[in-house]
Amino acid sequence: DKDVEAADSPKVAELKTKLAKADVERERLRLDMKDKLAAFSQARLDYLHDETPSPSSIVVFSRQMDAVIASQVQLDNQFGRWHTEPAPGPNDLVWHNVALTGKQRWRKNIRAKMAATVMVIFFSVPVNLLVSALNSGKDDLVSFLGEGIFKVLIGLILTIFLVVAHIMSLVISRQYGCISKSKMDVRGASIYFWLLVVNLFLGNLNSTPVWENLLYWVQV
């Protein structure tokens, strides 16, 4: 028994050491979580009690005439300090953009325009690859599937492209800093229009992919 106890004592000591380290680590994590929760609670209270005036506001008038007059007169002795415009309807407002300053909305618009431009240009890569693959294997597909099935396949691919392009244009339009959903929809329609023009019209003027034409144009 003494020999077994002597043999087990190093393992027991090692186990106790591991348990002690685990207790220390658990206490450290508990204190760390406590500090983070305290910081979160303080930030939440600061946000709730923040009395900094909003950069913009929505004013509701009882008469349409008063709203028109207020939107056309200068509200401050410094010209351009206040900018007034008719507000969209309550169901059309984008409240998180209303709370932003003009510079913040401008930055959001720039980022969204850059993303839309990149999407319109680089969306032509899969389109041109698909068109070239269909052109190269057209005879084999027609002989295997038939002319009617091949046309249905082309129509199905075109439909998928139109649906995916429409969804992506709507997603990017929601990244703009517009204060109304209708303006975002207009932006999305514009993105969708240029997406169709670049990929379905300009991309099919010749058999050369768009990026090769752009590379040739840059080199020349």
C-alpha atoms as a PDB file:
ATOM      1  CA  ASP A   1       0.000   0.000   0.000  1.00  0.00           C
ATOM      2  CA  LYS A   2       2.806   2.401   0.798  1.00  0.00           C
ATOM      3  CA  ASP A   3       4.431   1.666  -2.553  1.00  0.00           C
ATOM      4  CA  VAL A   4       1.142   2.380  -4.403  1.00  0.00           C
ATOM      5  CA  GLU A   5       0.622   5.578  -2.409  1.00  0.00           C
ATOM      6  CA  ALA A   6       4.180   6.678  -3.135  1.00  0.00           C
ATOM      7  CA  ALA A   7       3.698   5.993  -6.844  1.00  0.00           C
ATOM      8  CA  ASP A   8       0.403   7.914  -6.971  1.00  0.00           C
ATOM      9  CA  SER A   9       1.626  10.927  -5.034  1.00  0.00           C
ATOM     10  CA  PRO A  10       3.357  12.622  -8.035  1.00  0.00           C
ATOM     11  CA  LYS A  11       0.179  12.218 -10.120  1.00  0.00           C
ATOM     12  CA  VAL A  12      -1.912  13.611  -7.287  1.00  0.00           C
ATOM     13  CA  ALA A  13       0.438  16.548  -6.901  1.00  0.00           C
ATOM     14  CA  GLU A  14       0.345  17.197 -10.636  1.00  0.00           C
ATOM     15  CA  LEU A  15      -3.460  17.040 -10.606  1.00  0.00           C
ATOM     16  CA  LYS A  16      -3.629  19.472  -7.702  1.00  0.00           C
ATOM     17  CA  THR A  17      -1.306  21.837  -9.550  1.00  0.00           C
ATOM     18  CA  LYS A  18      -3.534  21.744 -12.644  1.00  0.00           C
ATOM     19  CA  LEU A  19      -6.634  22.346 -10.523  1.00  0.00           C
ATOM     20  CA  ALA A  20      -4.978  25.316  -8.836  1.00  0.00           C
ATOM     21  CA  LYS A  21      -4.034  26.802 -12.224  1.00  0.00           C
ATOM     22  CA  ALA A  22      -7.586  26.228 -13.458  1.00  0.00           C
ATOM     23  CA  ASP A  23      -8.972  28.038 -10.406  1.00  0.00           C
ATOM     24  CA  VAL A  24      -6.645  30.976 -10.985  1.00  0.00           C
ATOM     25  CA  GLU A  25      -7.599  31.144 -14.682  1.00  0.00           C
ATOM     26  CA  ARG A  26     -11.307  30.930 -13.852  1.00  0.00           C
ATOM     27  CA  GLU A  27     -10.963  33.767 -11.349  1.00  0.00           C
ATOM     28  CA  ARG A  28      -9.088  35.873 -13.891  1.00  0.00           C
ATOM     29  CA  LEU A  29     -11.802  35.298 -16.505  1.00  0.00           C
ATOM     30  CA  ARG A  30     -14.509  36.117 -13.959  1.00  0.00           C
ATOM     31  CA  LEU A  31     -12.851  39.429 -13.075  1.00  0.00           C
ATOM     32  CA  ASP A  32     -12.306  40.206 -16.754  1.00  0.00           C
ATOM     33  CA  MET A  33     -15.967  39.536 -17.530  1.00  0.00           C
ATOM     34  CA  LYS A  34     -16.996  41.654 -14.560  1.00  0.00           C
ATOM     35  CA  ASP A  35     -14.933  44.595 -15.825  1.00  0.00           C
ATOM     36  CA  LYS A  36     -16.372  44.254 -19.330  1.00  0.00           C
ATOM     37  CA  LEU A  37     -19.945  44.123 -18.027  1.00  0.00           C
ATOM     38  CA  ALA A  38     -19.297  47.199 -15.895  1.00  0.00           C
ATOM     39  CA  ALA A  39     -17.891  49.043 -18.921  1.00  0.00           C
ATOM     40  CA  PHE A  40     -20.902  47.991 -21.002  1.00  0.00           C
ATOM     41  CA  SER A  41     -23.335  49.178 -18.332  1.00  0.00           C
ATOM     42  CA  GLN A  42     -21.539  52.515 -18.047  1.00  0.00           C
ATOM     43  CA  ALA A  43     -21.526  53.004 -21.828  1.00  0.00           C
ATOM     44  CA  ARG A  44     -25.230  52.133 -21.932  1.00  0.00           C
ATOM     45  CA  LEU A  45     -26.027  54.676 -19.221  1.00  0.00           C
ATOM     46  CA  ASP A  46     -23.942  57.327 -20.964  1.00  0.00           C
ATOM     47  CA  TYR A  47     -25.813  56.692 -24.200  1.00  0.00           C
ATOM     48  CA  LEU A  48     -29.225  56.799 -22.525  1.00  0.00           C
ATOM     49  CA  HIS A  49     -28.428  60.027 -20.667  1.00  0.00           C
ATOM     50  CA  ASP A  50     -26.680  61.718 -23.576  1.00  0.00           C
ATOM     51  CA  GLU A  51     -28.240  65.142 -24.101  1.00  0.00           C
ATOM     52  CA  THR A  52     -26.154  66.119 -27.136  1.00  0.00           C
ATOM     53  CA  PRO A  53     -28.490  67.670 -29.713  1.00  0.00           C
ATOM     54  CA  SER A  54     -29.182  65.590 -32.798  1.00  0.00           C
ATOM     55  CA  PRO A  55     -27.724  66.851 -36.097  1.00  0.00           C
ATOM     56  CA  SER A  56     -31.165  66.623 -37.698  1.00  0.00           C
ATOM     57  CA  SER A  57     -34.780  66.429 -36.677  1.00  0.00           C
ATOM     58  CA  ILE A  58     -38.281  65.844 -38.014  1.00  0.00           C
ATOM     59  CA  VAL A  59     -40.808  68.641 -37.466  1.00  0.00           C
ATOM     60  CA  VAL A  60     -44.524  67.982 -38.010  1.00  0.00           C
ATOM     61  CA  PHE A  61     -46.816  70.903 -38.866  1.00  0.00           C
ATOM     62  CA  SER A  62     -50.559  70.949 -38.578  1.00  0.00           C
ATOM     63  CA  ARG A  63     -50.942  72.706 -41.946  1.00  0.00           C
ATOM     64  CA  GLN A  64     -49.268  72.031 -45.265  1.00  0.00           C
ATOM     65  CA  MET A  65     -48.784  75.771 -45.817  1.00  0.00           C
ATOM     66  CA  ASP A  66     -46.685  76.093 -42.668  1.00  0.00           C
ATOM     67  CA  ALA A  67     -44.473  73.206 -43.750  1.00  0.00           C
ATOM     68  CA  VAL A  68     -43.907  74.781 -47.182  1.00  0.00           C
ATOM     69  CA  ILE A  69     -43.045  78.167 -45.643  1.00  0.00           C
ATOM     70  CA  ALA A  70     -40.636  76.605 -43.115  1.00  0.00           C
ATOM     71  CA  SER A  71     -38.849  74.668 -45.854  1.00  0.00           C
ATOM     72  CA  GLN A  72     -38.269  77.806 -47.947  1.00  0.00           C
ATOM     73  CA  VAL A  73     -37.127  80.388 -45.399  1.00  0.00           C
ATOM     74  CA  GLN A  74     -33.729  80.920 -43.823  1.00  0.00           C
ATOM     75  CA  LEU A  75     -33.817  79.702 -40.216  1.00  0.00           C
ATOM     76  CA  ASP A  76     -30.520  81.157 -38.993  1.00  0.00           C
ATOM     77  CA  ASN A  77     -28.500  84.327 -39.400  1.00  0.00           C
ATOM     78  CA  GLN A  78     -25.646  82.241 -40.862  1.00  0.00           C
ATOM     79  CA  PHE A  79     -26.517  81.229 -44.406  1.00  0.00           C
ATOM     80  CA  GLY A  80     -26.360  77.487 -45.042  1.00  0.00           C
ATOM     81  CA  ARG A  81     -26.068  76.512 -41.396  1.00  0.00           C
ATOM     82  CA  TRP A  82     -29.533  74.973 -41.435  1.00  0.00           C
ATOM     83  CA  HIS A  83     -30.780  72.954 -44.374  1.00  0.00           C
ATOM     84  CA  THR A  84     -34.497  72.237 -44.581  1.00  0.00           C
ATOM     85  CA  GLU A  85     -36.323  69.996 -47.009  1.00  0.00           C
ATOM     86  CA  PRO A  86     -39.692  68.228 -47.069  1.00  0.00           C
ATOM     87  CA  ALA A  87     -39.531  65.057 -45.002  1.00  0.00           C
ATOM     88  CA  PRO A  88     -40.689  61.711 -46.389  1.00  0.00           C
ATOM     89  CA  GLY A  89     -43.624  59.868 -44.905  1.00  0.00           C
ATOM     90  CA  PRO A  90     -43.302  58.085 -41.563  1.00  0.00           C
ATOM     91  CA  ASN A  91     -43.222  54.660 -43.226  1.00  0.00           C
ATOM     92  CA  ASP A  92     -40.619  55.858 -45.724  1.00  0.00           C
ATOM     93  CA  LEU A  93     -38.155  57.350 -43.261  1.00  0.00           C
ATOM     94  CA  VAL A  94     -34.800  55.692 -42.578  1.00  0.00           C
ATOM     95  CA  TRP A  95     -34.385  56.754 -38.977  1.00  0.00           C
ATOM     96  CA  HIS A  96     -30.780  55.627 -38.482  1.00  0.00           C
ATOM     97  CA  ASN A  97     -29.727  57.825 -41.431  1.00  0.00           C
ATOM     98  CA  VAL A  98     -31.759  60.775 -40.157  1.00  0.00           C
ATOM     99  CA  ALA A  99     -29.643  60.734 -36.987  1.00  0.00           C
ATOM    100  CA  LEU A 100     -26.409  61.095 -39.010  1.00  0.00           C
ATOM    101  CA  THR A 101     -24.726  64.338 -39.969  1.00  0.00           C
ATOM    102  CA  GLY A 102     -24.428  65.478 -43.565  1.00  0.00           C
ATOM    103  CA  LYS A 103     -20.764  64.422 -43.719  1.00  0.00           C
ATOM    104  CA  GLN A 104     -21.573  60.970 -42.361  1.00  0.00           C
ATOM    105  CA  ARG A 105     -24.313  60.481 -44.942  1.00  0.00           C
ATOM    106  CA  TRP A 106     -21.934  61.699 -47.649  1.00  0.00           C
ATOM    107  CA  ARG A 107     -19.333  59.118 -46.580  1.00  0.00           C
ATOM    108  CA  LYS A 108     -21.944  56.374 -46.665  1.00  0.00           C
ATOM    109  CA  ASN A 109     -22.979  57.421 -50.162  1.00  0.00           C
ATOM    110  CA  ILE A 110     -19.359  57.378 -51.374  1.00  0.00           C
ATOM    111  CA  ARG A 111     -18.756  53.905 -49.937  1.00  0.00           C
ATOM    112  CA  ALA A 112     -21.986  52.587 -51.452  1.00  0.00           C
ATOM    113  CA  LYS A 113     -21.156  54.101 -54.866  1.00  0.00           C
ATOM    114  CA  MET A 114     -17.717  52.500 -54.804  1.00  0.00           C
ATOM    115  CA  ALA A 115     -19.236  49.125 -53.903  1.00  0.00           C
ATOM    116  CA  ALA A 116     -21.824  49.480 -56.677  1.00  0.00           C
ATOM    117  CA  THR A 117     -19.128  50.362 -59.225  1.00  0.00           C
ATOM    118  CA  VAL A 118     -17.012  47.380 -58.239  1.00  0.00           C
ATOM    119  CA  MET A 119     -20.016  45.075 -58.431  1.00  0.00           C
ATOM    120  CA  VAL A 120     -21.092  46.363 -61.855  1.00  0.00           C
ATOM    121  CA  ILE A 121     -17.599  45.933 -63.303  1.00  0.00           C
ATOM    122  CA  PHE A 122     -16.594  42.629 -61.739  1.00  0.00           C
ATOM    123  CA  PHE A 123     -20.006  41.038 -62.181  1.00  0.00           C
ATOM    124  CA  SER A 124     -19.028  40.759 -65.845  1.00  0.00           C
ATOM    125  CA  VAL A 125     -16.397  38.131 -64.973  1.00  0.00           C
ATOM    126  CA  PRO A 126     -18.807  35.228 -64.312  1.00  0.00           C
ATOM    127  CA  VAL A 127     -21.120  36.465 -67.073  1.00  0.00           C
ATOM    128  CA  ASN A 128     -18.373  36.443 -69.702  1.00  0.00           C
ATOM    129  CA  LEU A 129     -17.029  33.097 -68.498  1.00  0.00           C
ATOM    130  CA  LEU A 130     -20.508  31.590 -68.755  1.00  0.00           C
ATOM    131  CA  VAL A 131     -21.094  33.066 -72.214  1.00  0.00           C
ATOM    132  CA  SER A 132     -17.754  31.775 -73.498  1.00  0.00           C
ATOM    133  CA  ALA A 133     -18.448  28.316 -72.032  1.00  0.00           C
ATOM    134  CA  LEU A 134     -21.854  28.187 -73.720  1.00  0.00           C
ATOM    135  CA  ASN A 135     -20.444  29.374 -77.041  1.00  0.00           C
ATOM    136  CA  SER A 136     -17.632  26.834 -76.984  1.00  0.00           C
ATOM    137  CA  GLY A 137     -19.938  23.939 -76.151  1.00  0.00           C
ATOM    138  CA  LYS A 138     -23.017  25.081 -78.048  1.00  0.00           C
ATOM    139  CA  ASP A 139     -22.838  22.413 -80.761  1.00  0.00           C
ATOM    140  CA  ASP A 140     -22.405  19.596 -78.249  1.00  0.00           C
ATOM    141  CA  LEU A 141     -25.253  20.879 -76.066  1.00  0.00           C
ATOM    142  CA  VAL A 142     -27.602  21.297 -79.026  1.00  0.00           C
ATOM    143  CA  SER A 143     -26.828  17.814 -80.309  1.00  0.00           C
ATOM    144  CA  PHE A 144     -27.305  16.324 -76.844  1.00  0.00           C
ATOM    145  CA  LEU A 145     -30.268  18.346 -75.520  1.00  0.00           C
ATOM    146  CA  GLY A 146     -31.882  19.640 -78.669  1.00  0.00           C
ATOM    147  CA  GLU A 147     -32.474  23.189 -79.896  1.00  0.00           C
ATOM    148  CA  GLY A 148     -35.582  23.755 -77.756  1.00  0.00           C
ATOM    149  CA  ILE A 149     -33.999  22.579 -74.493  1.00  0.00           C
ATOM    150  CA  PHE A 150     -30.910  24.663 -75.233  1.00  0.00           C
ATOM    151  CA  LYS A 151     -33.032  27.814 -75.615  1.00  0.00           C
ATOM    152  CA  VAL A 152     -34.828  27.003 -72.357  1.00  0.00           C
ATOM    153  CA  LEU A 153     -31.430  26.604 -70.664  1.00  0.00           C
ATOM    154  CA  ILE A 154     -30.311  29.997 -71.969  1.00  0.00           C
ATOM    155  CA  GLY A 155     -33.549  31.589 -70.735  1.00  0.00           C
ATOM    156  CA  LEU A 156     -33.139  29.955 -67.312  1.00  0.00           C
ATOM    157  CA  ILE A 157     -29.562  31.221 -66.974  1.00  0.00           C
ATOM    158  CA  LEU A 158     -30.656  34.718 -68.008  1.00  0.00           C
ATOM    159  CA  THR A 159     -33.487  34.651 -65.457  1.00  0.00           C
ATOM    160  CA  ILE A 160     -31.094  33.600 -62.672  1.00  0.00           C
ATOM    161  CA  PHE A 161     -28.738  36.427 -63.648  1.00  0.00           C
ATOM    162  CA  LEU A 162     -31.552  38.990 -63.575  1.00  0.00           C
ATOM    163  CA  VAL A 163     -32.790  37.818 -60.175  1.00  0.00           C
ATOM    164  CA  VAL A 164     -29.324  37.730 -58.578  1.00  0.00           C
ATOM    165  CA  ALA A 165     -28.430  41.130 -60.047  1.00  0.00           C
ATOM    166  CA  HIS A 166     -31.672  42.642 -58.742  1.00  0.00           C
ATOM    167  CA  ILE A 167     -31.093  41.260 -55.243  1.00  0.00           C
ATOM    168  CA  MET A 168     -27.498  42.517 -55.138  1.00  0.00           C
ATOM    169  CA  SER A 169     -28.516  45.973 -56.361  1.00  0.00           C
ATOM    170  CA  LEU A 170     -31.166  46.195 -53.632  1.00  0.00           C
ATOM    171  CA  VAL A 171     -28.670  45.091 -50.972  1.00  0.00           C
ATOM    172  CA  ILE A 172     -26.153  47.753 -52.004  1.00  0.00           C
ATOM    173  CA  SER A 173     -28.864  50.419 -52.249  1.00  0.00           C
ATOM    174  CA  ARG A 174     -29.589  49.900 -48.546  1.00  0.00           C
ATOM    175  CA  GLN A 175     -26.016  50.954 -47.754  1.00  0.00           C
ATOM    176  CA  TYR A 176     -26.609  54.521 -48.957  1.00  0.00           C
ATOM    177  CA  GLY A 177     -27.098  57.397 -46.543  1.00  0.00           C
ATOM    178  CA  CYS A 178     -30.499  58.393 -47.932  1.00  0.00           C
ATOM    179  CA  ILE A 179     -33.150  59.406 -45.430  1.00  0.00           C
ATOM    180  CA  SER A 180     -35.992  57.689 -47.295  1.00  0.00           C
ATOM    181  CA  LYS A 181     -36.503  54.181 -48.586  1.00  0.00           C
ATOM    182  CA  SER A 182     -37.864  55.495 -51.891  1.00  0.00           C
ATOM    183  CA  LYS A 183     -34.537  57.230 -52.620  1.00  0.00           C
ATOM    184  CA  MET A 184     -32.751  53.984 -51.812  1.00  0.00           C
ATOM    185  CA  ASP A 185     -35.020  52.186 -54.263  1.00  0.00           C
ATOM    186  CA  VAL A 186     -34.125  54.775 -56.917  1.00  0.00           C
ATOM    187  CA  ARG A 187     -30.431  54.138 -56.251  1.00  0.00           C
ATOM    188  CA  GLY A 188     -31.021  50.396 -56.515  1.00  0.00           C
ATOM    189  CA  ALA A 189     -32.842  50.817 -59.826  1.00  0.00           C
ATOM    190  CA  SER A 190     -29.935  52.891 -61.156  1.00  0.00           C
ATOM    191  CA  ILE A 191     -27.428  50.210 -60.094  1.00  0.00           C
ATOM    192  CA  TYR A 192     -29.573  47.536 -61.731  1.00  0.00           C
ATOM    193  CA  PHE A 193     -29.804  49.562 -64.937  1.00  0.00           C
ATOM    194  CA  TRP A 194     -26.040  49.991 -65.257  1.00  0.00           C
ATOM    195  CA  LEU A 195     -25.530  46.352 -64.339  1.00  0.00           C
ATOM    196  CA  LEU A 196     -27.708  45.311 -67.270  1.00  0.00           C
ATOM    197  CA  VAL A 197     -26.124  47.822 -69.649  1.00  0.00           C
ATOM    198  CA  VAL A 198     -22.553  46.777 -68.858  1.00  0.00           C
ATOM    199  CA  ASN A 199     -23.106  43.020 -68.683  1.00  0.00           C
ATOM    200  CA  LEU A 200     -25.891  42.335 -71.179  1.00  0.00           C
ATOM    201  CA  PHE A 201     -25.255  45.065 -73.755  1.00  0.00           C
ATOM    202  CA  LEU A 202     -21.625  46.168 -73.680  1.00  0.00           C
ATOM    203  CA  GLY A 203     -20.429  42.712 -72.652  1.00  0.00           C
ATOM    204  CA  ASN A 204     -22.038  41.114 -75.718  1.00  0.00           C
ATOM    205  CA  LEU A 205     -20.953  43.585 -78.384  1.00  0.00           C
ATOM    206  CA  ASN A 206     -18.094  41.224 -79.277  1.00  0.00           C
ATOM    207  CA  SER A 207     -16.751  37.862 -78.175  1.00  0.00           C
ATOM    208  CA  THR A 208     -13.831  39.369 -76.246  1.00  0.00           C
ATOM    209  CA  PRO A 209     -14.346  39.550 -72.443  1.00  0.00           C
ATOM    210  CA  VAL A 210     -14.828  43.005 -70.957  1.00  0.00           C
ATOM    211  CA  TRP A 211     -11.703  42.862 -68.783  1.00  0.00           C
ATOM    212  CA  GLU A 212      -9.538  42.127 -71.858  1.00  0.00           C
ATOM    213  CA  ASN A 213     -10.986  45.183 -73.596  1.00  0.00           C
ATOM    214  CA  LEU A 214     -10.288  47.297 -70.513  1.00  0.00           C
ATOM    215  CA  LEU A 215      -6.716  45.966 -70.303  1.00  0.00           C
ATOM    216  CA  TYR A 216      -6.145  46.756 -73.980  1.00  0.00           C
ATOM    217  CA  TRP A 217      -7.591  50.249 -73.508  1.00  0.00           C
ATOM    218  CA  VAL A 218      -5.294  50.899 -70.505  1.00  0.00           C
ATOM    219  CA  GLN A 219      -2.222  49.691 -72.341  1.00  0.00           C
ATOM    220  CA  VAL A 220      -2.989  51.775 -75.416  1.00  0.00           C
END
